[in-house]
Amino acid sequence: MYIGKVVSTVVATVKHPTFDGHKLLLVEMQGVDGPPDLRSLSKYDICVDTVQAGVGDTVLVMDEGSGAKQILGQKAEPGQGAVRAVIVGIVDNVQID
């Protein structure tokens, strides 16, 4: 799991039926102190949105395939589609002491 920032939407005119009815969002992984250093290579995921997140939102991402399939109510069977990253929450605040 990680905290990320939604930077864009992803539009696909043809996609696997697994993704029907789900919004796809491009999420940039965030470090503890905010965005990664601009000199480093940022990490992005295309995530299935389950919480109605939008561009600019800070989100909690489940980036493990088996857990993602469970959240979407899918069985781990062939032909079910390849879901790896799912947005599971919108983050209001992070406090580190």
PDB file of N, CA and C in Angstrom:
ATOM      1  N   MET A   1       0.845  -1.176   0.000  1.00  0.00           N
ATOM      2  CA  MET A   1       0.000   0.000   0.000  1.00  0.00           C
ATOM      3  C   MET A   1       0.884   1.231   0.000  1.00  0.00           C
ATOM      4  N   TYR A   2       0.368   2.286  -0.612  1.00  0.00           N
ATOM      5  CA  TYR A   2       1.104   3.543  -0.580  1.00  0.00           C
ATOM      6  C   TYR A   2       0.145   4.716  -0.722  1.00  0.00           C
ATOM      7  N   ILE A   3       0.653   5.907  -0.398  1.00  0.00           N
ATOM      8  CA  ILE A   3      -0.110   7.137  -0.577  1.00  0.00           C
ATOM      9  C   ILE A   3       0.341   7.770  -1.881  1.00  0.00           C
ATOM     10  N   GLY A   4      -0.621   8.233  -2.680  1.00  0.00           N
ATOM     11  CA  GLY A   4      -0.299   8.844  -3.963  1.00  0.00           C
ATOM     12  C   GLY A   4      -1.184  10.034  -4.249  1.00  0.00           C
ATOM     13  N   LYS A   5      -0.856  10.724  -5.325  1.00  0.00           N
ATOM     14  CA  LYS A   5      -1.642  11.878  -5.768  1.00  0.00           C
ATOM     15  C   LYS A   5      -2.166  11.563  -7.162  1.00  0.00           C
ATOM     16  N   VAL A   6      -3.491  11.756  -7.346  1.00  0.00           N
ATOM     17  CA  VAL A   6      -4.103  11.538  -8.655  1.00  0.00           C
ATOM     18  C   VAL A   6      -3.686  12.694  -9.560  1.00  0.00           C
ATOM     19  N   VAL A   7      -3.039  12.356 -10.687  1.00  0.00           N
ATOM     20  CA  VAL A   7      -2.533  13.390 -11.579  1.00  0.00           C
ATOM     21  C   VAL A   7      -3.315  13.476 -12.890  1.00  0.00           C
ATOM     22  N   SER A   8      -4.083  12.442 -13.226  1.00  0.00           N
ATOM     23  CA  SER A   8      -4.792  12.463 -14.498  1.00  0.00           C
ATOM     24  C   SER A   8      -5.792  11.316 -14.561  1.00  0.00           C
ATOM     25  N   THR A   9      -6.702  11.411 -15.502  1.00  0.00           N
ATOM     26  CA  THR A   9      -7.597  10.293 -15.793  1.00  0.00           C
ATOM     27  C   THR A   9      -7.035   9.513 -16.970  1.00  0.00           C
ATOM     28  N   VAL A  10      -7.430   8.264 -17.088  1.00  0.00           N
ATOM     29  CA  VAL A  10      -7.019   7.411 -18.197  1.00  0.00           C
ATOM     30  C   VAL A  10      -8.273   7.028 -18.959  1.00  0.00           C
ATOM     31  N   VAL A  11      -8.261   7.283 -20.267  1.00  0.00           N
ATOM     32  CA  VAL A  11      -9.413   6.966 -21.110  1.00  0.00           C
ATOM     33  C   VAL A  11      -9.034   5.809 -22.021  1.00  0.00           C
ATOM     34  N   ALA A  12      -9.857   4.771 -22.011  1.00  0.00           N
ATOM     35  CA  ALA A  12      -9.631   3.615 -22.873  1.00  0.00           C
ATOM     36  C   ALA A  12     -10.945   3.296 -23.586  1.00  0.00           C
ATOM     37  N   THR A  13     -10.945   3.373 -24.905  1.00  0.00           N
ATOM     38  CA  THR A  13     -12.181   3.098 -25.646  1.00  0.00           C
ATOM     39  C   THR A  13     -12.462   1.605 -25.712  1.00  0.00           C
ATOM     40  N   VAL A  14     -11.417   0.793 -25.673  1.00  0.00           N
ATOM     41  CA  VAL A  14     -11.572  -0.656 -25.646  1.00  0.00           C
ATOM     42  C   VAL A  14     -10.804  -1.168 -24.440  1.00  0.00           C
ATOM     43  N   LYS A  15     -11.484  -1.910 -23.562  1.00  0.00           N
ATOM     44  CA  LYS A  15     -10.812  -2.427 -22.378  1.00  0.00           C
ATOM     45  C   LYS A  15     -11.439  -3.757 -21.978  1.00  0.00           C
ATOM     46  N   HIS A  16     -10.750  -4.488 -21.137  1.00  0.00           N
ATOM     47  CA  HIS A  16     -11.236  -5.774 -20.650  1.00  0.00           C
ATOM     48  C   HIS A  16     -12.524  -5.549 -19.856  1.00  0.00           C
ATOM     49  N   PRO A  17     -13.481  -6.476 -19.935  1.00  0.00           N
ATOM     50  CA  PRO A  17     -14.744  -6.325 -19.182  1.00  0.00           C
ATOM     51  C   PRO A  17     -14.562  -6.127 -17.685  1.00  0.00           C
ATOM     52  N   THR A  18     -13.428  -6.560 -17.140  1.00  0.00           N
ATOM     53  CA  THR A  18     -13.134  -6.349 -15.719  1.00  0.00           C
ATOM     54  C   THR A  18     -13.224  -4.876 -15.344  1.00  0.00           C
ATOM     55  N   PHE A  19     -12.860  -3.998 -16.282  1.00  0.00           N
ATOM     56  CA  PHE A  19     -12.802  -2.569 -15.993  1.00  0.00           C
ATOM     57  C   PHE A  19     -14.096  -1.829 -16.325  1.00  0.00           C
ATOM     58  N   ASP A  20     -15.082  -2.512 -16.896  1.00  0.00           N
ATOM     59  CA  ASP A  20     -16.352  -1.851 -17.221  1.00  0.00           C
ATOM     60  C   ASP A  20     -16.988  -1.267 -15.957  1.00  0.00           C
ATOM     61  N   GLY A  21     -17.408  -0.020 -16.050  1.00  0.00           N
ATOM     62  CA  GLY A  21     -18.054   0.641 -14.921  1.00  0.00           C
ATOM     63  C   GLY A  21     -17.089   1.215 -13.905  1.00  0.00           C
ATOM     64  N   HIS A  22     -15.796   1.099 -14.150  1.00  0.00           N
ATOM     65  CA  HIS A  22     -14.794   1.626 -13.224  1.00  0.00           C
ATOM     66  C   HIS A  22     -13.972   2.713 -13.906  1.00  0.00           C
ATOM     67  N   LYS A  23     -13.730   3.794 -13.174  1.00  0.00           N
ATOM     68  CA  LYS A  23     -12.879   4.880 -13.659  1.00  0.00           C
ATOM     69  C   LYS A  23     -11.422   4.479 -13.439  1.00  0.00           C
ATOM     70  N   LEU A  24     -10.575   4.804 -14.413  1.00  0.00           N
ATOM     71  CA  LEU A  24      -9.142   4.555 -14.298  1.00  0.00           C
ATOM     72  C   LEU A  24      -8.422   5.882 -14.099  1.00  0.00           C
ATOM     73  N   LEU A  25      -7.527   5.932 -13.116  1.00  0.00           N
ATOM     74  CA  LEU A  25      -6.813   7.162 -12.782  1.00  0.00           C
ATOM     75  C   LEU A  25      -5.311   6.912 -12.747  1.00  0.00           C
ATOM     76  N   LEU A  26      -4.541   7.907 -13.183  1.00  0.00           N
ATOM     77  CA  LEU A  26      -3.093   7.851 -13.112  1.00  0.00           C
ATOM     78  C   LEU A  26      -2.666   8.453 -11.777  1.00  0.00           C
ATOM     79  N   VAL A  27      -1.953   7.668 -10.973  1.00  0.00           N
ATOM     80  CA  VAL A  27      -1.567   8.077  -9.620  1.00  0.00           C
ATOM     81  C   VAL A  27      -0.047   8.081  -9.500  1.00  0.00           C
ATOM     82  N   GLU A  28       0.490   9.191  -8.965  1.00  0.00           N
ATOM     83  CA  GLU A  28       1.920   9.308  -8.697  1.00  0.00           C
ATOM     84  C   GLU A  28       2.182   8.992  -7.234  1.00  0.00           C
ATOM     85  N   MET A  29       3.102   8.063  -6.987  1.00  0.00           N
ATOM     86  CA  MET A  29       3.467   7.711  -5.621  1.00  0.00           C
ATOM     87  C   MET A  29       4.074   8.923  -4.925  1.00  0.00           C
ATOM     88  N   GLN A  30       3.711   9.136  -3.667  1.00  0.00           N
ATOM     89  CA  GLN A  30       4.220  10.255  -2.881  1.00  0.00           C
ATOM     90  C   GLN A  30       5.147   9.743  -1.788  1.00  0.00           C
ATOM     91  N   GLY A  31       6.175  10.519  -1.497  1.00  0.00           N
ATOM     92  CA  GLY A  31       7.056  10.204  -0.382  1.00  0.00           C
ATOM     93  C   GLY A  31       6.452  10.743   0.909  1.00  0.00           C
ATOM     94  N   VAL A  32       7.098  10.470   2.002  1.00  0.00           N
ATOM     95  CA  VAL A  32       6.619  10.945   3.308  1.00  0.00           C
ATOM     96  C   VAL A  32       6.561  12.469   3.338  1.00  0.00           C
ATOM     97  N   ASP A  33       7.494  13.130   2.652  1.00  0.00           N
ATOM     98  CA  ASP A  33       7.551  14.589   2.661  1.00  0.00           C
ATOM     99  C   ASP A  33       6.904  15.209   1.428  1.00  0.00           C
ATOM    100  N   GLY A  34       6.015  14.483   0.743  1.00  0.00           N
ATOM    101  CA  GLY A  34       5.359  15.008  -0.449  1.00  0.00           C
ATOM    102  C   GLY A  34       5.897  14.351  -1.700  1.00  0.00           C
ATOM    103  N   PRO A  35       5.826  15.061  -2.828  1.00  0.00           N
ATOM    104  CA  PRO A  35       6.259  14.468  -4.095  1.00  0.00           C
ATOM    105  C   PRO A  35       7.733  14.094  -4.069  1.00  0.00           C
ATOM    106  N   PRO A  36       8.095  13.062  -4.845  1.00  0.00           N
ATOM    107  CA  PRO A  36       9.512  12.699  -4.907  1.00  0.00           C
ATOM    108  C   PRO A  36      10.348  13.835  -5.481  1.00  0.00           C
ATOM    109  N   ASP A  37      11.631  13.804  -5.206  1.00  0.00           N
ATOM    110  CA  ASP A  37      12.569  14.781  -5.754  1.00  0.00           C
ATOM    111  C   ASP A  37      12.444  14.787  -7.281  1.00  0.00           C
ATOM    112  N   LEU A  38      12.356  15.960  -7.879  1.00  0.00           N
ATOM    113  CA  LEU A  38      12.177  16.065  -9.322  1.00  0.00           C
ATOM    114  C   LEU A  38      13.338  15.462 -10.102  1.00  0.00           C
ATOM    115  N   ARG A  39      14.491  15.317  -9.485  1.00  0.00           N
ATOM    116  CA  ARG A  39      15.634  14.717 -10.172  1.00  0.00           C
ATOM    117  C   ARG A  39      15.519  13.205 -10.247  1.00  0.00           C
ATOM    118  N   SER A  40      14.678  12.622  -9.397  1.00  0.00           N
ATOM    119  CA  SER A  40      14.529  11.168  -9.413  1.00  0.00           C
ATOM    120  C   SER A  40      13.376  10.780 -10.340  1.00  0.00           C
ATOM    121  N   LEU A  41      13.345   9.533 -10.708  1.00  0.00           N
ATOM    122  CA  LEU A  41      12.291   9.026 -11.573  1.00  0.00           C
ATOM    123  C   LEU A  41      11.053   8.754 -10.733  1.00  0.00           C
ATOM    124  N   SER A  42       9.938   9.414 -11.040  1.00  0.00           N
ATOM    125  CA  SER A  42       8.698   9.217 -10.299  1.00  0.00           C
ATOM    126  C   SER A  42       8.075   7.885 -10.679  1.00  0.00           C
ATOM    127  N   LYS A  43       7.292   7.317  -9.757  1.00  0.00           N
ATOM    128  CA  LYS A  43       6.601   6.066 -10.005  1.00  0.00           C
ATOM    129  C   LYS A  43       5.117   6.361 -10.178  1.00  0.00           C
ATOM    130  N   TYR A  44       4.545   5.833 -11.235  1.00  0.00           N
ATOM    131  CA  TYR A  44       3.129   6.016 -11.520  1.00  0.00           C
ATOM    132  C   TYR A  44       2.449   4.664 -11.640  1.00  0.00           C
ATOM    133  N   ASP A  45       1.172   4.614 -11.269  1.00  0.00           N
ATOM    134  CA  ASP A  45       0.326   3.437 -11.478  1.00  0.00           C
ATOM    135  C   ASP A  45      -0.964   3.891 -12.130  1.00  0.00           C
ATOM    136  N   ILE A  46      -1.510   3.041 -12.969  1.00  0.00           N
ATOM    137  CA  ILE A  46      -2.884   3.232 -13.430  1.00  0.00           C
ATOM    138  C   ILE A  46      -3.736   2.432 -12.471  1.00  0.00           C
ATOM    139  N   CYS A  47      -4.641   3.128 -11.779  1.00  0.00           N
ATOM    140  CA  CYS A  47      -5.410   2.515 -10.700  1.00  0.00           C
ATOM    141  C   CYS A  47      -6.903   2.496 -11.026  1.00  0.00           C
ATOM    142  N   VAL A  48      -7.567   1.446 -10.565  1.00  0.00           N
ATOM    143  CA  VAL A  48      -9.016   1.372 -10.640  1.00  0.00           C
ATOM    144  C   VAL A  48      -9.557   2.155  -9.449  1.00  0.00           C
ATOM    145  N   ASP A  49     -10.479   3.079  -9.709  1.00  0.00           N
ATOM    146  CA  ASP A  49     -11.042   3.923  -8.647  1.00  0.00           C
ATOM    147  C   ASP A  49     -12.273   3.252  -8.053  1.00  0.00           C
ATOM    148  N   THR A  50     -12.281   3.059  -6.741  1.00  0.00           N
ATOM    149  CA  THR A  50     -13.446   2.488  -6.060  1.00  0.00           C
ATOM    150  C   THR A  50     -14.076   3.467  -5.073  1.00  0.00           C
ATOM    151  N   VAL A  51     -13.526   4.703  -4.982  1.00  0.00           N
ATOM    152  CA  VAL A  51     -13.987   5.649  -3.959  1.00  0.00           C
ATOM    153  C   VAL A  51     -14.360   7.024  -4.515  1.00  0.00           C
ATOM    154  N   GLN A  52     -14.500   7.138  -5.842  1.00  0.00           N
ATOM    155  CA  GLN A  52     -14.867   8.407  -6.480  1.00  0.00           C
ATOM    156  C   GLN A  52     -13.815   9.493  -6.264  1.00  0.00           C
ATOM    157  N   ALA A  53     -12.550   9.127  -6.404  1.00  0.00           N
ATOM    158  CA  ALA A  53     -11.455  10.094  -6.304  1.00  0.00           C
ATOM    159  C   ALA A  53     -11.392  10.914  -7.591  1.00  0.00           C
ATOM    160  N   GLY A  54     -10.676  12.026  -7.536  1.00  0.00           N
ATOM    161  CA  GLY A  54     -10.527  12.883  -8.705  1.00  0.00           C
ATOM    162  C   GLY A  54      -9.125  13.449  -8.787  1.00  0.00           C
ATOM    163  N   VAL A  55      -8.848  14.111  -9.887  1.00  0.00           N
ATOM    164  CA  VAL A  55      -7.533  14.716 -10.104  1.00  0.00           C
ATOM    165  C   VAL A  55      -7.232  15.692  -8.967  1.00  0.00           C
ATOM    166  N   GLY A  56      -6.034  15.583  -8.399  1.00  0.00           N
ATOM    167  CA  GLY A  56      -5.614  16.439  -7.297  1.00  0.00           C
ATOM    168  C   GLY A  56      -5.813  15.807  -5.928  1.00  0.00           C
ATOM    169  N   ASP A  57      -6.605  14.740  -5.833  1.00  0.00           N
ATOM    170  CA  ASP A  57      -6.833  14.087  -4.544  1.00  0.00           C
ATOM    171  C   ASP A  57      -5.609  13.291  -4.113  1.00  0.00           C
ATOM    172  N   THR A  58      -5.359  13.271  -2.807  1.00  0.00           N
ATOM    173  CA  THR A  58      -4.366  12.383  -2.216  1.00  0.00           C
ATOM    174  C   THR A  58      -5.103  11.111  -1.845  1.00  0.00           C
ATOM    175  N   VAL A  59      -4.584   9.966  -2.281  1.00  0.00           N
ATOM    176  CA  VAL A  59      -5.322   8.713  -2.142  1.00  0.00           C
ATOM    177  C   VAL A  59      -4.460   7.608  -1.543  1.00  0.00           C
ATOM    178  N   LEU A  60      -5.134   6.595  -1.008  1.00  0.00           N
ATOM    179  CA  LEU A  60      -4.490   5.390  -0.506  1.00  0.00           C
ATOM    180  C   LEU A  60      -4.676   4.313  -1.566  1.00  0.00           C
ATOM    181  N   VAL A  61      -3.560   3.728  -2.015  1.00  0.00           N
ATOM    182  CA  VAL A  61      -3.589   2.756  -3.107  1.00  0.00           C
ATOM    183  C   VAL A  61      -3.174   1.375  -2.608  1.00  0.00           C
ATOM    184  N   MET A  62      -3.996   0.375  -2.913  1.00  0.00           N
ATOM    185  CA  MET A  62      -3.644  -1.032  -2.698  1.00  0.00           C
ATOM    186  C   MET A  62      -2.992  -1.486  -3.992  1.00  0.00           C
ATOM    187  N   ASP A  63      -1.700  -1.796  -3.946  1.00  0.00           N
ATOM    188  CA  ASP A  63      -0.985  -2.146  -5.183  1.00  0.00           C
ATOM    189  C   ASP A  63      -0.513  -3.592  -5.179  1.00  0.00           C
ATOM    190  N   GLU A  64      -1.383  -4.467  -4.759  1.00  0.00           N
ATOM    191  CA  GLU A  64      -1.093  -5.898  -4.711  1.00  0.00           C
ATOM    192  C   GLU A  64      -2.255  -6.612  -5.395  1.00  0.00           C
ATOM    193  N   GLY A  65      -1.955  -7.387  -6.418  1.00  0.00           N
ATOM    194  CA  GLY A  65      -2.971  -7.978  -7.279  1.00  0.00           C
ATOM    195  C   GLY A  65      -4.050  -8.772  -6.582  1.00  0.00           C
ATOM    196  N   SER A  66      -3.683  -9.660  -5.656  1.00  0.00           N
ATOM    197  CA  SER A  66      -4.675 -10.495  -4.988  1.00  0.00           C
ATOM    198  C   SER A  66      -5.635  -9.650  -4.154  1.00  0.00           C
ATOM    199  N   GLY A  67      -5.091  -8.687  -3.400  1.00  0.00           N
ATOM    200  CA  GLY A  67      -5.932  -7.797  -2.599  1.00  0.00           C
ATOM    201  C   GLY A  67      -6.826  -6.931  -3.476  1.00  0.00           C
ATOM    202  N   ALA A  68      -6.286  -6.469  -4.609  1.00  0.00           N
ATOM    203  CA  ALA A  68      -7.066  -5.651  -5.537  1.00  0.00           C
ATOM    204  C   ALA A  68      -8.246  -6.438  -6.083  1.00  0.00           C
ATOM    205  N   LYS A  69      -8.023  -7.686  -6.450  1.00  0.00           N
ATOM    206  CA  LYS A  69      -9.114  -8.525  -6.963  1.00  0.00           C
ATOM    207  C   LYS A  69     -10.181  -8.745  -5.890  1.00  0.00           C
ATOM    208  N   GLN A  70      -9.767  -8.927  -4.629  1.00  0.00           N
ATOM    209  CA  GLN A  70     -10.727  -9.111  -3.547  1.00  0.00           C
ATOM    210  C   GLN A  70     -11.597  -7.872  -3.372  1.00  0.00           C
ATOM    211  N   ILE A  71     -10.984  -6.695  -3.455  1.00  0.00           N
ATOM    212  CA  ILE A  71     -11.735  -5.447  -3.304  1.00  0.00           C
ATOM    213  C   ILE A  71     -12.781  -5.310  -4.402  1.00  0.00           C
ATOM    214  N   LEU A  72     -12.436  -5.747  -5.613  1.00  0.00           N
ATOM    215  CA  LEU A  72     -13.367  -5.672  -6.739  1.00  0.00           C
ATOM    216  C   LEU A  72     -14.323  -6.861  -6.784  1.00  0.00           C
ATOM    217  N   GLY A  73     -14.200  -7.794  -5.836  1.00  0.00           N
ATOM    218  CA  GLY A  73     -15.095  -8.941  -5.780  1.00  0.00           C
ATOM    219  C   GLY A  73     -14.832  -9.969  -6.864  1.00  0.00           C
ATOM    220  N   GLN A  74     -13.582 -10.075  -7.296  1.00  0.00           N
ATOM    221  CA  GLN A  74     -13.221 -11.029  -8.344  1.00  0.00           C
ATOM    222  C   GLN A  74     -12.526 -12.238  -7.752  1.00  0.00           C
ATOM    223  N   LYS A  75     -12.681 -13.350  -8.442  1.00  0.00           N
ATOM    224  CA  LYS A  75     -11.967 -14.562  -8.047  1.00  0.00           C
ATOM    225  C   LYS A  75     -10.649 -14.617  -8.804  1.00  0.00           C
ATOM    226  N   ALA A  76      -9.672 -15.282  -8.224  1.00  0.00           N
ATOM    227  CA  ALA A  76      -8.363 -15.428  -8.862  1.00  0.00           C
ATOM    228  C   ALA A  76      -8.432 -16.558  -9.882  1.00  0.00           C
ATOM    229  N   GLU A  77      -9.120 -16.304 -10.978  1.00  0.00           N
ATOM    230  CA  GLU A  77      -9.274 -17.305 -12.032  1.00  0.00           C
ATOM    231  C   GLU A  77      -8.761 -16.732 -13.346  1.00  0.00           C
ATOM    232  N   PRO A  78      -8.313 -17.610 -14.244  1.00  0.00           N
ATOM    233  CA  PRO A  78      -7.891 -17.134 -15.564  1.00  0.00           C
ATOM    234  C   PRO A  78      -9.036 -16.417 -16.279  1.00  0.00           C
ATOM    235  N   GLY A  79      -8.699 -15.375 -17.023  1.00  0.00           N
ATOM    236  CA  GLY A  79      -9.710 -14.643 -17.772  1.00  0.00           C
ATOM    237  C   GLY A  79     -10.431 -13.564 -16.987  1.00  0.00           C
ATOM    238  N   GLN A  80     -10.070 -13.365 -15.719  1.00  0.00           N
ATOM    239  CA  GLN A  80     -10.728 -12.361 -14.885  1.00  0.00           C
ATOM    240  C   GLN A  80     -10.140 -10.969 -15.057  1.00  0.00           C
ATOM    241  N   GLY A  81      -9.097 -10.831 -15.837  1.00  0.00           N
ATOM    242  CA  GLY A  81      -8.483  -9.518 -16.023  1.00  0.00           C
ATOM    243  C   GLY A  81      -7.317  -9.317 -15.081  1.00  0.00           C
ATOM    244  N   ALA A  82      -6.448  -8.405 -15.447  1.00  0.00           N
ATOM    245  CA  ALA A  82      -5.241  -8.153 -14.673  1.00  0.00           C
ATOM    246  C   ALA A  82      -5.378  -6.844 -13.917  1.00  0.00           C
ATOM    247  N   VAL A  83      -5.867  -6.912 -12.690  1.00  0.00           N
ATOM    248  CA  VAL A  83      -5.999  -5.726 -11.844  1.00  0.00           C
ATOM    249  C   VAL A  83      -4.895  -5.786 -10.798  1.00  0.00           C
ATOM    250  N   ARG A  84      -4.083  -4.730 -10.727  1.00  0.00           N
ATOM    251  CA  ARG A  84      -2.998  -4.715  -9.761  1.00  0.00           C
ATOM    252  C   ARG A  84      -3.125  -3.595  -8.744  1.00  0.00           C
ATOM    253  N   ALA A  85      -3.656  -2.445  -9.150  1.00  0.00           N
ATOM    254  CA  ALA A  85      -3.693  -1.284  -8.261  1.00  0.00           C
ATOM    255  C   ALA A  85      -5.109  -0.730  -8.172  1.00  0.00           C
ATOM    256  N   VAL A  86      -5.579  -0.546  -6.944  1.00  0.00           N
ATOM    257  CA  VAL A  86      -6.934  -0.055  -6.694  1.00  0.00           C
ATOM    258  C   VAL A  86      -6.863   1.077  -5.678  1.00  0.00           C
ATOM    259  N   ILE A  87      -7.566   2.171  -5.951  1.00  0.00           N
ATOM    260  CA  ILE A  87      -7.677   3.260  -4.978  1.00  0.00           C
ATOM    261  C   ILE A  87      -8.731   2.852  -3.960  1.00  0.00           C
ATOM    262  N   VAL A  88      -8.323   2.770  -2.679  1.00  0.00           N
ATOM    263  CA  VAL A  88      -9.221   2.291  -1.633  1.00  0.00           C
ATOM    264  C   VAL A  88      -9.615   3.369  -0.627  1.00  0.00           C
ATOM    265  N   GLY A  89      -9.050   4.580  -0.741  1.00  0.00           N
ATOM    266  CA  GLY A  89      -9.407   5.640   0.189  1.00  0.00           C
ATOM    267  C   GLY A  89      -8.896   6.993  -0.276  1.00  0.00           C
ATOM    268  N   ILE A  90      -9.577   8.045   0.170  1.00  0.00           N
ATOM    269  CA  ILE A  90      -9.130   9.411  -0.058  1.00  0.00           C
ATOM    270  C   ILE A  90      -8.556   9.911   1.262  1.00  0.00           C
ATOM    271  N   VAL A  91      -7.310  10.377   1.223  1.00  0.00           N
ATOM    272  CA  VAL A  91      -6.590  10.778   2.437  1.00  0.00           C
ATOM    273  C   VAL A  91      -6.891  12.246   2.742  1.00  0.00           C
ATOM    274  N   ASP A  92      -7.339  12.493   3.956  1.00  0.00           N
ATOM    275  CA  ASP A  92      -7.596  13.868   4.396  1.00  0.00           C
ATOM    276  C   ASP A  92      -6.356  14.502   4.993  1.00  0.00           C
ATOM    277  N   ASN A  93      -5.578  13.705   5.756  1.00  0.00           N
ATOM    278  CA  ASN A  93      -4.461  14.267   6.477  1.00  0.00           C
ATOM    279  C   ASN A  93      -3.470  13.149   6.827  1.00  0.00           C
ATOM    280  N   VAL A  94      -2.195  13.478   6.812  1.00  0.00           N
ATOM    281  CA  VAL A  94      -1.153  12.547   7.278  1.00  0.00           C
ATOM    282  C   VAL A  94      -0.340  13.284   8.328  1.00  0.00           C
ATOM    283  N   GLN A  95      -0.180  12.668   9.491  1.00  0.00           N
ATOM    284  CA  GLN A  95       0.596  13.294  10.559  1.00  0.00           C
ATOM    285  C   GLN A  95       1.663  12.316  11.013  1.00  0.00           C
ATOM    286  N   ILE A  96       2.915  12.735  10.951  1.00  0.00           N
ATOM    287  CA  ILE A  96       4.024  11.903  11.405  1.00  0.00           C
ATOM    288  C   ILE A  96       4.727  12.625  12.536  1.00  0.00           C
ATOM    289  N   ASP A  97       4.770  11.980  13.679  1.00  0.00           N
ATOM    290  CA  ASP A  97       5.410  12.583  14.871  1.00  0.00           C
ATOM    291  C   ASP A  97       6.838  12.143  14.997  1.00  0.00           C
TER     292      ASP A  97
END
